[in-house]
PDB file of all heavy atoms in Angstrom:
ATOM      1  N   LYS A   1     158.963 -26.007 121.893  1.00  0.00           N
ATOM      2  CA  LYS A   1     157.563 -25.922 121.490  1.00  0.00           C
ATOM      3  C   LYS A   1     157.236 -24.456 121.261  1.00  0.00           C
ATOM      4  O   LYS A   1     157.497 -23.613 122.111  1.00  0.00           O
ATOM      5  CB  LYS A   1     156.653 -26.501 122.570  1.00  0.00           C
ATOM      6  CG  LYS A   1     156.773 -27.981 122.730  1.00  0.00           C
ATOM      7  CD  LYS A   1     155.779 -28.496 123.752  1.00  0.00           C
ATOM      8  CE  LYS A   1     155.920 -29.998 123.871  1.00  0.00           C
ATOM      9  NZ  LYS A   1     154.889 -30.566 124.747  1.00  0.00           N
ATOM     10  N   LEU A   2     156.679 -24.179 120.104  1.00  0.00           N
ATOM     11  CA  LEU A   2     156.315 -22.804 119.753  1.00  0.00           C
ATOM     12  C   LEU A   2     154.844 -22.738 119.388  1.00  0.00           C
ATOM     13  O   LEU A   2     154.279 -23.706 118.877  1.00  0.00           O
ATOM     14  CB  LEU A   2     157.126 -22.334 118.542  1.00  0.00           C
ATOM     15  CG  LEU A   2     158.631 -22.211 118.688  1.00  0.00           C
ATOM     16  CD1 LEU A   2     159.252 -21.851 117.343  1.00  0.00           C
ATOM     17  CD2 LEU A   2     158.991 -21.182 119.738  1.00  0.00           C
ATOM     18  N   PRO A   3     154.225 -21.580 119.597  1.00  0.00           N
ATOM     19  CA  PRO A   3     152.867 -21.384 119.069  1.00  0.00           C
ATOM     20  C   PRO A   3     152.912 -21.479 117.544  1.00  0.00           C
ATOM     21  O   PRO A   3     153.916 -21.133 116.908  1.00  0.00           O
ATOM     22  CB  PRO A   3     152.497 -19.976 119.531  1.00  0.00           C
ATOM     23  CG  PRO A   3     153.477 -19.620 120.588  1.00  0.00           C
ATOM     24  CD  PRO A   3     154.714 -20.422 120.333  1.00  0.00           C
ATOM     25  N   ALA A   4     151.833 -21.948 116.959  1.00  0.00           N
ATOM     26  CA  ALA A   4     151.788 -22.152 115.511  1.00  0.00           C
ATOM     27  C   ALA A   4     152.194 -20.915 114.710  1.00  0.00           C
ATOM     28  O   ALA A   4     152.984 -21.043 113.762  1.00  0.00           O
ATOM     29  CB  ALA A   4     150.411 -22.660 115.091  1.00  0.00           C
ATOM     30  N   PRO A   5     151.699 -19.719 115.031  1.00  0.00           N
ATOM     31  CA  PRO A   5     152.090 -18.562 114.198  1.00  0.00           C
ATOM     32  C   PRO A   5     153.601 -18.320 114.192  1.00  0.00           C
ATOM     33  O   PRO A   5     154.170 -17.994 113.151  1.00  0.00           O
ATOM     34  CB  PRO A   5     151.361 -17.381 114.841  1.00  0.00           C
ATOM     35  CG  PRO A   5     150.264 -17.977 115.636  1.00  0.00           C
ATOM     36  CD  PRO A   5     150.734 -19.332 116.061  1.00  0.00           C
ATOM     37  N   GLN A   6     154.228 -18.491 115.337  1.00  0.00           N
ATOM     38  CA  GLN A   6     155.673 -18.279 115.420  1.00  0.00           C
ATOM     39  C   GLN A   6     156.417 -19.385 114.655  1.00  0.00           C
ATOM     40  O   GLN A   6     157.342 -19.103 113.889  1.00  0.00           O
ATOM     41  CB  GLN A   6     156.111 -18.247 116.878  1.00  0.00           C
ATOM     42  CG  GLN A   6     157.540 -17.842 117.087  1.00  0.00           C
ATOM     43  CD  GLN A   6     157.889 -17.721 118.566  1.00  0.00           C
ATOM     44  OE1 GLN A   6     157.124 -18.107 119.437  1.00  0.00           O
ATOM     45  NE2 GLN A   6     159.059 -17.179 118.835  1.00  0.00           N
ATOM     46  N   TYR A   7     156.001 -20.620 114.852  1.00  0.00           N
ATOM     47  CA  TYR A   7     156.615 -21.753 114.153  1.00  0.00           C
ATOM     48  C   TYR A   7     156.482 -21.562 112.640  1.00  0.00           C
ATOM     49  O   TYR A   7     157.462 -21.720 111.896  1.00  0.00           O
ATOM     50  CB  TYR A   7     155.933 -23.049 114.582  1.00  0.00           C
ATOM     51  CG  TYR A   7     156.483 -24.295 113.935  1.00  0.00           C
ATOM     52  CD1 TYR A   7     157.447 -25.061 114.578  1.00  0.00           C
ATOM     53  CD2 TYR A   7     156.036 -24.718 112.687  1.00  0.00           C
ATOM     54  CE1 TYR A   7     157.948 -26.214 113.987  1.00  0.00           C
ATOM     55  CE2 TYR A   7     156.533 -25.859 112.088  1.00  0.00           C
ATOM     56  CZ  TYR A   7     157.488 -26.605 112.746  1.00  0.00           C
ATOM     57  OH  TYR A   7     157.986 -27.747 112.148  1.00  0.00           O
ATOM     58  N   ILE A   8     155.294 -21.231 112.193  1.00  0.00           N
ATOM     59  CA  ILE A   8     155.060 -21.059 110.751  1.00  0.00           C
ATOM     60  C   ILE A   8     155.881 -19.898 110.203  1.00  0.00           C
ATOM     61  O   ILE A   8     156.457 -19.995 109.120  1.00  0.00           O
ATOM     62  CB  ILE A   8     153.551 -20.891 110.461  1.00  0.00           C
ATOM     63  CG1 ILE A   8     152.833 -22.222 110.746  1.00  0.00           C
ATOM     64  CG2 ILE A   8     153.310 -20.419 109.030  1.00  0.00           C
ATOM     65  CD1 ILE A   8     151.324 -22.135 110.734  1.00  0.00           C
ATOM     66  N   ASP A   9     155.965 -18.818 110.955  1.00  0.00           N
ATOM     67  CA  ASP A   9     156.786 -17.686 110.532  1.00  0.00           C
ATOM     68  C   ASP A   9     158.235 -18.120 110.358  1.00  0.00           C
ATOM     69  O   ASP A   9     158.872 -17.792 109.344  1.00  0.00           O
ATOM     70  CB  ASP A   9     156.683 -16.538 111.538  1.00  0.00           C
ATOM     71  CG  ASP A   9     157.546 -15.359 111.135  1.00  0.00           C
ATOM     72  OD1 ASP A   9     157.395 -14.844 110.010  1.00  0.00           O
ATOM     73  OD2 ASP A   9     158.400 -14.948 111.964  1.00  0.00           O
ATOM     74  N   TYR A  10     158.763 -18.866 111.314  1.00  0.00           N
ATOM     75  CA  TYR A  10     160.145 -19.354 111.215  1.00  0.00           C
ATOM     76  C   TYR A  10     160.316 -20.264 109.999  1.00  0.00           C
ATOM     77  O   TYR A  10     161.288 -20.152 109.257  1.00  0.00           O
ATOM     78  CB  TYR A  10     160.549 -20.108 112.476  1.00  0.00           C
ATOM     79  CG  TYR A  10     160.782 -19.260 113.709  1.00  0.00           C
ATOM     80  CD1 TYR A  10     161.098 -19.857 114.910  1.00  0.00           C
ATOM     81  CD2 TYR A  10     160.690 -17.873 113.688  1.00  0.00           C
ATOM     82  CE1 TYR A  10     161.319 -19.112 116.060  1.00  0.00           C
ATOM     83  CE2 TYR A  10     160.898 -17.114 114.827  1.00  0.00           C
ATOM     84  CZ  TYR A  10     161.224 -17.738 116.012  1.00  0.00           C
ATOM     85  OH  TYR A  10     161.442 -17.006 117.145  1.00  0.00           O
ATOM     86  N   GLU A  11     159.386 -21.190 109.815  1.00  0.00           N
ATOM     87  CA  GLU A  11     159.485 -22.137 108.702  1.00  0.00           C
ATOM     88  C   GLU A  11     159.425 -21.414 107.356  1.00  0.00           C
ATOM     89  O   GLU A  11     160.251 -21.672 106.481  1.00  0.00           O
ATOM     90  CB  GLU A  11     158.359 -23.178 108.779  1.00  0.00           C
ATOM     91  CG  GLU A  11     158.463 -24.141 109.935  1.00  0.00           C
ATOM     92  CD  GLU A  11     159.508 -25.217 109.733  1.00  0.00           C
ATOM     93  OE1 GLU A  11     160.709 -24.876 109.655  1.00  0.00           O
ATOM     94  OE2 GLU A  11     159.127 -26.389 109.671  1.00  0.00           O
ATOM     95  N   LEU A  12     158.444 -20.535 107.197  1.00  0.00           N
ATOM     96  CA  LEU A  12     158.301 -19.839 105.919  1.00  0.00           C
ATOM     97  C   LEU A  12     159.473 -18.900 105.653  1.00  0.00           C
ATOM     98  O   LEU A  12     159.891 -18.731 104.505  1.00  0.00           O
ATOM     99  CB  LEU A  12     156.966 -19.094 105.859  1.00  0.00           C
ATOM    100  CG  LEU A  12     155.722 -19.991 105.828  1.00  0.00           C
ATOM    101  CD1 LEU A  12     154.447 -19.151 105.826  1.00  0.00           C
ATOM    102  CD2 LEU A  12     155.750 -20.955 104.644  1.00  0.00           C
ATOM    103  N   THR A  13     160.032 -18.327 106.712  1.00  0.00           N
ATOM    104  CA  THR A  13     161.219 -17.484 106.549  1.00  0.00           C
ATOM    105  C   THR A  13     162.399 -18.320 106.078  1.00  0.00           C
ATOM    106  O   THR A  13     163.140 -17.905 105.178  1.00  0.00           O
ATOM    107  CB  THR A  13     161.554 -16.760 107.861  1.00  0.00           C
ATOM    108  OG1 THR A  13     160.464 -15.896 108.203  1.00  0.00           O
ATOM    109  CG2 THR A  13     162.829 -15.933 107.745  1.00  0.00           C
ATOM    110  N   GLN A  14     162.578 -19.508 106.670  1.00  0.00           N
ATOM    111  CA  GLN A  14     163.665 -20.379 106.234  1.00  0.00           C
ATOM    112  C   GLN A  14     163.490 -20.802 104.775  1.00  0.00           C
ATOM    113  O   GLN A  14     164.456 -20.823 104.010  1.00  0.00           O
ATOM    114  CB  GLN A  14     163.759 -21.621 107.121  1.00  0.00           C
ATOM    115  CG  GLN A  14     164.480 -21.386 108.412  1.00  0.00           C
ATOM    116  CD  GLN A  14     164.802 -22.691 109.125  1.00  0.00           C
ATOM    117  OE1 GLN A  14     164.240 -23.737 108.837  1.00  0.00           O
ATOM    118  NE2 GLN A  14     165.714 -22.609 110.068  1.00  0.00           N
ATOM    119  N   VAL A  15     162.261 -21.130 104.400  1.00  0.00           N
ATOM    120  CA  VAL A  15     162.008 -21.513 103.013  1.00  0.00           C
ATOM    121  C   VAL A  15     162.309 -20.336 102.090  1.00  0.00           C
ATOM    122  O   VAL A  15     162.970 -20.504 101.058  1.00  0.00           O
ATOM    123  CB  VAL A  15     160.565 -22.033 102.820  1.00  0.00           C
ATOM    124  CG1 VAL A  15     160.242 -22.215 101.343  1.00  0.00           C
ATOM    125  CG2 VAL A  15     160.356 -23.335 103.580  1.00  0.00           C
ATOM    126  N   GLN A  16     161.832 -19.158 102.432  1.00  0.00           N
ATOM    127  CA  GLN A  16     162.101 -17.972 101.608  1.00  0.00           C
ATOM    128  C   GLN A  16     163.597 -17.740 101.462  1.00  0.00           C
ATOM    129  O   GLN A  16     164.086 -17.461 100.358  1.00  0.00           O
ATOM    130  CB  GLN A  16     161.445 -16.731 102.217  1.00  0.00           C
ATOM    131  CG  GLN A  16     161.642 -15.462 101.405  1.00  0.00           C
ATOM    132  CD  GLN A  16     160.875 -15.494 100.100  1.00  0.00           C
ATOM    133  OE1 GLN A  16     159.662 -15.526 100.124  1.00  0.00           O
ATOM    134  NE2 GLN A  16     161.569 -15.489  98.981  1.00  0.00           N
ATOM    135  N   ASN A  17     164.339 -17.899 102.549  1.00  0.00           N
ATOM    136  CA  ASN A  17     165.789 -17.713 102.487  1.00  0.00           C
ATOM    137  C   ASN A  17     166.443 -18.740 101.558  1.00  0.00           C
ATOM    138  O   ASN A  17     167.366 -18.399 100.815  1.00  0.00           O
ATOM    139  CB  ASN A  17     166.404 -17.783 103.883  1.00  0.00           C
ATOM    140  CG  ASN A  17     166.055 -16.570 104.725  1.00  0.00           C
ATOM    141  OD1 ASN A  17     165.689 -15.516 104.205  1.00  0.00           O
ATOM    142  ND2 ASN A  17     166.150 -16.717 106.028  1.00  0.00           N
ATOM    143  N   LEU A  18     165.982 -19.975 101.599  1.00  0.00           N
ATOM    144  CA  LEU A  18     166.518 -20.994 100.695  1.00  0.00           C
ATOM    145  C   LEU A  18     166.182 -20.667  99.239  1.00  0.00           C
ATOM    146  O   LEU A  18     167.033 -20.800  98.353  1.00  0.00           O
ATOM    147  CB  LEU A  18     165.977 -22.377 101.050  1.00  0.00           C
ATOM    148  CG  LEU A  18     166.602 -23.046 102.270  1.00  0.00           C
ATOM    149  CD1 LEU A  18     165.799 -24.282 102.672  1.00  0.00           C
ATOM    150  CD2 LEU A  18     168.046 -23.415 101.995  1.00  0.00           C
ATOM    151  N   LEU A  19     164.950 -20.248  99.005  1.00  0.00           N
ATOM    152  CA  LEU A  19     164.547 -19.922  97.636  1.00  0.00           C
ATOM    153  C   LEU A  19     165.323 -18.729  97.076  1.00  0.00           C
ATOM    154  O   LEU A  19     165.570 -18.661  95.873  1.00  0.00           O
ATOM    155  CB  LEU A  19     163.043 -19.638  97.583  1.00  0.00           C
ATOM    156  CG  LEU A  19     162.124 -20.817  97.897  1.00  0.00           C
ATOM    157  CD1 LEU A  19     160.675 -20.369  97.924  1.00  0.00           C
ATOM    158  CD2 LEU A  19     162.321 -21.954  96.908  1.00  0.00           C
ATOM    159  N   ASP A  20     165.707 -17.819  97.955  1.00  0.00           N
ATOM    160  CA  ASP A  20     166.453 -16.634  97.540  1.00  0.00           C
ATOM    161  C   ASP A  20     167.966 -16.870  97.458  1.00  0.00           C
ATOM    162  O   ASP A  20     168.692 -16.020  96.947  1.00  0.00           O
ATOM    163  CB  ASP A  20     166.205 -15.478  98.510  1.00  0.00           C
ATOM    164  CG  ASP A  20     164.790 -14.936  98.431  1.00  0.00           C
ATOM    165  OD1 ASP A  20     164.103 -15.194  97.421  1.00  0.00           O
ATOM    166  OD2 ASP A  20     164.366 -14.261  99.394  1.00  0.00           O
ATOM    167  N   ASP A  21     168.430 -17.996  97.956  1.00  0.00           N
ATOM    168  CA  ASP A  21     169.861 -18.286  98.015  1.00  0.00           C
ATOM    169  C   ASP A  21     170.373 -18.710  96.640  1.00  0.00           C
ATOM    170  O   ASP A  21     170.011 -19.759  96.119  1.00  0.00           O
ATOM    171  CB  ASP A  21     170.114 -19.384  99.050  1.00  0.00           C
ATOM    172  CG  ASP A  21     171.587 -19.603  99.333  1.00  0.00           C
ATOM    173  OD1 ASP A  21     172.441 -19.224  98.497  1.00  0.00           O
ATOM    174  OD2 ASP A  21     171.895 -20.174 100.402  1.00  0.00           O
ATOM    175  N   GLU A  22     171.227 -17.902  96.087  1.00  0.00           N
ATOM    176  CA  GLU A  22     171.797 -18.152  94.756  1.00  0.00           C
ATOM    177  C   GLU A  22     172.593 -19.454  94.713  1.00  0.00           C
ATOM    178  O   GLU A  22     172.707 -20.087  93.666  1.00  0.00           O
ATOM    179  CB  GLU A  22     172.692 -16.962  94.366  1.00  0.00           C
ATOM    180  CG  GLU A  22     173.233 -17.008  92.976  1.00  0.00           C
ATOM    181  CD  GLU A  22     172.189 -16.755  91.901  1.00  0.00           C
ATOM    182  OE1 GLU A  22     171.200 -16.055  92.162  1.00  0.00           O
ATOM    183  OE2 GLU A  22     172.369 -17.269  90.784  1.00  0.00           O
ATOM    184  N   ARG A  23     173.124 -19.886  95.849  1.00  0.00           N
ATOM    185  CA  ARG A  23     173.881 -21.146  95.890  1.00  0.00           C
ATOM    186  C   ARG A  23     172.957 -22.362  95.802  1.00  0.00           C
ATOM    187  O   ARG A  23     173.367 -23.431  95.371  1.00  0.00           O
ATOM    188  CB  ARG A  23     174.717 -21.237  97.160  1.00  0.00           C
ATOM    189  CG  ARG A  23     175.828 -20.175  97.230  1.00  0.00           C
ATOM    190  CD  ARG A  23     176.408 -20.102  98.589  1.00  0.00           C
ATOM    191  NE  ARG A  23     175.318 -19.728  99.499  1.00  0.00           N
ATOM    192  CZ  ARG A  23     175.438 -19.563 100.798  1.00  0.00           C
ATOM    193  NH1 ARG A  23     176.578 -19.756 101.376  1.00  0.00           N
ATOM    194  NH2 ARG A  23     174.409 -19.195 101.535  1.00  0.00           N
ATOM    195  N   VAL A  24     171.701 -22.203  96.226  1.00  0.00           N
ATOM    196  CA  VAL A  24     170.739 -23.306  96.189  1.00  0.00           C
ATOM    197  C   VAL A  24     169.972 -23.298  94.869  1.00  0.00           C
ATOM    198  O   VAL A  24     169.787 -24.335  94.234  1.00  0.00           O
ATOM    199  CB  VAL A  24     169.761 -23.232  97.383  1.00  0.00           C
ATOM    200  CG1 VAL A  24     168.742 -24.364  97.316  1.00  0.00           C
ATOM    201  CG2 VAL A  24     170.523 -23.270  98.702  1.00  0.00           C
ATOM    202  N   PHE A  25     169.498 -22.116  94.478  1.00  0.00           N
ATOM    203  CA  PHE A  25     168.742 -21.953  93.235  1.00  0.00           C
ATOM    204  C   PHE A  25     169.473 -20.947  92.345  1.00  0.00           C
ATOM    205  O   PHE A  25     169.107 -19.771  92.290  1.00  0.00           O
ATOM    206  CB  PHE A  25     167.324 -21.463  93.526  1.00  0.00           C
ATOM    207  CG  PHE A  25     166.465 -22.479  94.199  1.00  0.00           C
ATOM    208  CD1 PHE A  25     166.333 -22.488  95.576  1.00  0.00           C
ATOM    209  CD2 PHE A  25     165.786 -23.444  93.461  1.00  0.00           C
ATOM    210  CE1 PHE A  25     165.543 -23.443  96.212  1.00  0.00           C
ATOM    211  CE2 PHE A  25     164.998 -24.392  94.076  1.00  0.00           C
ATOM    212  CZ  PHE A  25     164.870 -24.392  95.460  1.00  0.00           C
ATOM    213  N   PRO A  26     170.504 -21.408  91.656  1.00  0.00           N
ATOM    214  CA  PRO A  26     171.292 -20.483  90.829  1.00  0.00           C
ATOM    215  C   PRO A  26     170.473 -19.936  89.659  1.00  0.00           C
ATOM    216  O   PRO A  26     169.670 -20.655  89.069  1.00  0.00           O
ATOM    217  CB  PRO A  26     172.453 -21.349  90.333  1.00  0.00           C
ATOM    218  CG  PRO A  26     171.987 -22.751  90.468  1.00  0.00           C
ATOM    219  CD  PRO A  26     170.977 -22.780  91.569  1.00  0.00           C
ATOM    220  N   THR A  27     170.671 -18.680  89.381  1.00  0.00           N
ATOM    221  CA  THR A  27     169.946 -18.044  88.287  1.00  0.00           C
ATOM    222  C   THR A  27     170.874 -17.615  87.153  1.00  0.00           C
ATOM    223  O   THR A  27     170.404 -17.268  86.077  1.00  0.00           O
ATOM    224  CB  THR A  27     169.171 -16.806  88.784  1.00  0.00           C
ATOM    225  OG1 THR A  27     170.102 -15.891  89.370  1.00  0.00           O
ATOM    226  CG2 THR A  27     168.104 -17.197  89.789  1.00  0.00           C
ATOM    227  N   LYS A  28     172.157 -17.636  87.413  1.00  0.00           N
ATOM    228  CA  LYS A  28     173.113 -17.213  86.391  1.00  0.00           C
ATOM    229  C   LYS A  28     173.411 -18.375  85.450  1.00  0.00           C
ATOM    230  O   LYS A  28     173.477 -19.533  85.858  1.00  0.00           O
ATOM    231  CB  LYS A  28     174.388 -16.715  87.056  1.00  0.00           C
ATOM    232  CG  LYS A  28     174.158 -15.433  87.837  1.00  0.00           C
ATOM    233  CD  LYS A  28     175.416 -14.949  88.491  1.00  0.00           C
ATOM    234  CE  LYS A  28     175.234 -13.648  89.213  1.00  0.00           C
ATOM    235  NZ  LYS A  28     174.110 -13.528  90.079  1.00  0.00           N
ATOM    236  N   GLU A  29     173.590 -18.034  84.195  1.00  0.00           N
ATOM    237  CA  GLU A  29     173.880 -19.037  83.171  1.00  0.00           C
ATOM    238  C   GLU A  29     175.115 -19.851  83.548  1.00  0.00           C
ATOM    239  O   GLU A  29     176.092 -19.310  84.061  1.00  0.00           O
ATOM    240  CB  GLU A  29     174.099 -18.338  81.826  1.00  0.00           C
ATOM    241  CG  GLU A  29     174.186 -19.284  80.676  1.00  0.00           C
ATOM    242  CD  GLU A  29     174.288 -18.561  79.348  1.00  0.00           C
ATOM    243  OE1 GLU A  29     173.990 -17.354  79.285  1.00  0.00           O
ATOM    244  OE2 GLU A  29     174.671 -19.207  78.383  1.00  0.00           O
ATOM    245  N   ARG A  30     175.022 -21.151  83.332  1.00  0.00           N
ATOM    246  CA  ARG A  30     176.095 -22.114  83.592  1.00  0.00           C
ATOM    247  C   ARG A  30     176.384 -22.338  85.076  1.00  0.00           C
ATOM    248  O   ARG A  30     177.395 -22.938  85.428  1.00  0.00           O
ATOM    249  CB  ARG A  30     177.373 -21.741  82.856  1.00  0.00           C
ATOM    250  CG  ARG A  30     177.194 -21.706  81.354  1.00  0.00           C
ATOM    251  CD  ARG A  30     178.483 -21.326  80.679  1.00  0.00           C
ATOM    252  NE  ARG A  30     178.217 -20.948  79.317  1.00  0.00           N
ATOM    253  CZ  ARG A  30     178.798 -21.496  78.277  1.00  0.00           C
ATOM    254  NH1 ARG A  30     179.699 -22.426  78.448  1.00  0.00           N
ATOM    255  NH2 ARG A  30     178.495 -21.089  77.071  1.00  0.00           N
ATOM    256  N   SER A  31     175.547 -21.826  85.929  1.00  0.00           N
ATOM    257  CA  SER A  31     175.706 -22.095  87.361  1.00  0.00           C
ATOM    258  C   SER A  31     175.094 -23.452  87.669  1.00  0.00           C
ATOM    259  O   SER A  31     174.016 -23.785  87.176  1.00  0.00           O
ATOM    260  CB  SER A  31     174.999 -21.028  88.200  1.00  0.00           C
ATOM    261  OG  SER A  31     175.597 -19.780  87.994  1.00  0.00           O
ATOM    262  N   ALA A  32     175.777 -24.195  88.490  1.00  0.00           N
ATOM    263  CA  ALA A  32     175.312 -25.543  88.822  1.00  0.00           C
ATOM    264  C   ALA A  32     174.492 -25.537  90.117  1.00  0.00           C
ATOM    265  O   ALA A  32     174.730 -24.728  91.010  1.00  0.00           O
ATOM    266  CB  ALA A  32     176.504 -26.469  88.986  1.00  0.00           C
ATOM    267  N   PHE A  33     173.545 -26.463  90.176  1.00  0.00           N
ATOM    268  CA  PHE A  33     172.813 -26.668  91.412  1.00  0.00           C
ATOM    269  C   PHE A  33     173.728 -27.410  92.382  1.00  0.00           C
ATOM    270  O   PHE A  33     174.595 -28.177  91.953  1.00  0.00           O
ATOM    271  CB  PHE A  33     171.530 -27.471  91.160  1.00  0.00           C
ATOM    272  CG  PHE A  33     170.455 -26.665  90.490  1.00  0.00           C
ATOM    273  CD1 PHE A  33     170.376 -26.595  89.106  1.00  0.00           C
ATOM    274  CD2 PHE A  33     169.523 -25.970  91.250  1.00  0.00           C
ATOM    275  CE1 PHE A  33     169.393 -25.850  88.481  1.00  0.00           C
ATOM    276  CE2 PHE A  33     168.533 -25.212  90.638  1.00  0.00           C
ATOM    277  CZ  PHE A  33     168.470 -25.152  89.252  1.00  0.00           C
ATOM    278  N   PRO A  34     173.548 -27.204  93.680  1.00  0.00           N
ATOM    279  CA  PRO A  34     174.427 -27.871  94.646  1.00  0.00           C
ATOM    280  C   PRO A  34     174.195 -29.387  94.666  1.00  0.00           C
ATOM    281  O   PRO A  34     173.130 -29.870  94.274  1.00  0.00           O
ATOM    282  CB  PRO A  34     174.018 -27.241  95.983  1.00  0.00           C
ATOM    283  CG  PRO A  34     172.631 -26.767  95.775  1.00  0.00           C
ATOM    284  CD  PRO A  34     172.538 -26.373  94.328  1.00  0.00           C
ATOM    285  N   ARG A  35     175.194 -30.114  95.110  1.00  0.00           N
ATOM    286  CA  ARG A  35     175.092 -31.575  95.181  1.00  0.00           C
ATOM    287  C   ARG A  35     173.961 -32.029  96.092  1.00  0.00           C
ATOM    288  O   ARG A  35     173.361 -33.066  95.867  1.00  0.00           O
ATOM    289  CB  ARG A  35     176.403 -32.176  95.665  1.00  0.00           C
ATOM    290  CG  ARG A  35     177.491 -32.076  94.654  1.00  0.00           C
ATOM    291  CD  ARG A  35     178.725 -32.789  95.117  1.00  0.00           C
ATOM    292  NE  ARG A  35     179.799 -32.498  94.171  1.00  0.00           N
ATOM    293  CZ  ARG A  35     181.065 -32.580  94.453  1.00  0.00           C
ATOM    294  NH1 ARG A  35     181.441 -32.966  95.649  1.00  0.00           N
ATOM    295  NH2 ARG A  35     181.959 -32.291  93.542  1.00  0.00           N
ATOM    296  N   ASP A  36     173.701 -31.255  97.132  1.00  0.00           N
ATOM    297  CA  ASP A  36     172.657 -31.628  98.097  1.00  0.00           C
ATOM    298  C   ASP A  36     171.298 -31.008  97.743  1.00  0.00           C
ATOM    299  O   ASP A  36     170.426 -30.878  98.600  1.00  0.00           O
ATOM    300  CB  ASP A  36     173.070 -31.243  99.513  1.00  0.00           C
ATOM    301  CG  ASP A  36     173.205 -29.742  99.720  1.00  0.00           C
ATOM    302  OD1 ASP A  36     173.235 -28.982  98.716  1.00  0.00           O
ATOM    303  OD2 ASP A  36     173.276 -29.315 100.881  1.00  0.00           O
ATOM    304  N   PHE A  37     171.124 -30.661  96.485  1.00  0.00           N
ATOM    305  CA  PHE A  37     169.882 -30.009  96.058  1.00  0.00           C
ATOM    306  C   PHE A  37     168.648 -30.824  96.421  1.00  0.00           C
ATOM    307  O   PHE A  37     167.676 -30.290  96.952  1.00  0.00           O
ATOM    308  CB  PHE A  37     169.918 -29.729  94.548  1.00  0.00           C
ATOM    309  CG  PHE A  37     168.709 -29.005  94.040  1.00  0.00           C
ATOM    310  CD1 PHE A  37     168.555 -27.652  94.287  1.00  0.00           C
ATOM    311  CD2 PHE A  37     167.722 -29.668  93.332  1.00  0.00           C
ATOM    312  CE1 PHE A  37     167.435 -26.962  93.829  1.00  0.00           C
ATOM    313  CE2 PHE A  37     166.609 -28.995  92.864  1.00  0.00           C
ATOM    314  CZ  PHE A  37     166.455 -27.644  93.115  1.00  0.00           C
ATOM    315  N   SER A  38     168.664 -32.109  96.161  1.00  0.00           N
ATOM    316  CA  SER A  38     167.480 -32.937  96.451  1.00  0.00           C
ATOM    317  C   SER A  38     167.171 -32.962  97.947  1.00  0.00           C
ATOM    318  O   SER A  38     166.001 -32.980  98.332  1.00  0.00           O
ATOM    319  CB  SER A  38     167.654 -34.351  95.904  1.00  0.00           C
ATOM    320  OG  SER A  38     168.722 -35.006  96.548  1.00  0.00           O
ATOM    321  N   ILE A  39     168.184 -32.939  98.770  1.00  0.00           N
ATOM    322  CA  ILE A  39     167.965 -32.905 100.226  1.00  0.00           C
ATOM    323  C   ILE A  39     167.298 -31.588 100.615  1.00  0.00           C
ATOM    324  O   ILE A  39     166.347 -31.567 101.404  1.00  0.00           O
ATOM    325  CB  ILE A  39     169.303 -33.090 100.980  1.00  0.00           C
ATOM    326  CG1 ILE A  39     169.828 -34.497 100.749  1.00  0.00           C
ATOM    327  CG2 ILE A  39     169.137 -32.792 102.462  1.00  0.00           C
ATOM    328  CD1 ILE A  39     171.258 -34.702 101.201  1.00  0.00           C
ATOM    329  N   ARG A  40     167.781 -30.512 100.049  1.00  0.00           N
ATOM    330  CA  ARG A  40     167.209 -29.192 100.367  1.00  0.00           C
ATOM    331  C   ARG A  40     165.761 -29.072  99.893  1.00  0.00           C
ATOM    332  O   ARG A  40     164.925 -28.493 100.572  1.00  0.00           O
ATOM    333  CB  ARG A  40     168.073 -28.083  99.781  1.00  0.00           C
ATOM    334  CG  ARG A  40     169.406 -27.975 100.485  1.00  0.00           C
ATOM    335  CD  ARG A  40     170.258 -26.908  99.842  1.00  0.00           C
ATOM    336  NE  ARG A  40     171.571 -26.879 100.405  1.00  0.00           N
ATOM    337  CZ  ARG A  40     172.087 -25.817 101.037  1.00  0.00           C
ATOM    338  NH1 ARG A  40     171.373 -24.728 101.184  1.00  0.00           N
ATOM    339  NH2 ARG A  40     173.301 -25.864 101.501  1.00  0.00           N
TER     340      ARG A  40
END
């Protein structure tokens, strides 16, 4: 159990890390999205 500010900070940090992850959101031409993209 965490206080809301700490929980939200952790959650938003995880989301930011996923959004910045080239393996999840590829930006290079001809790069494929991962098979588990919909789960992520």
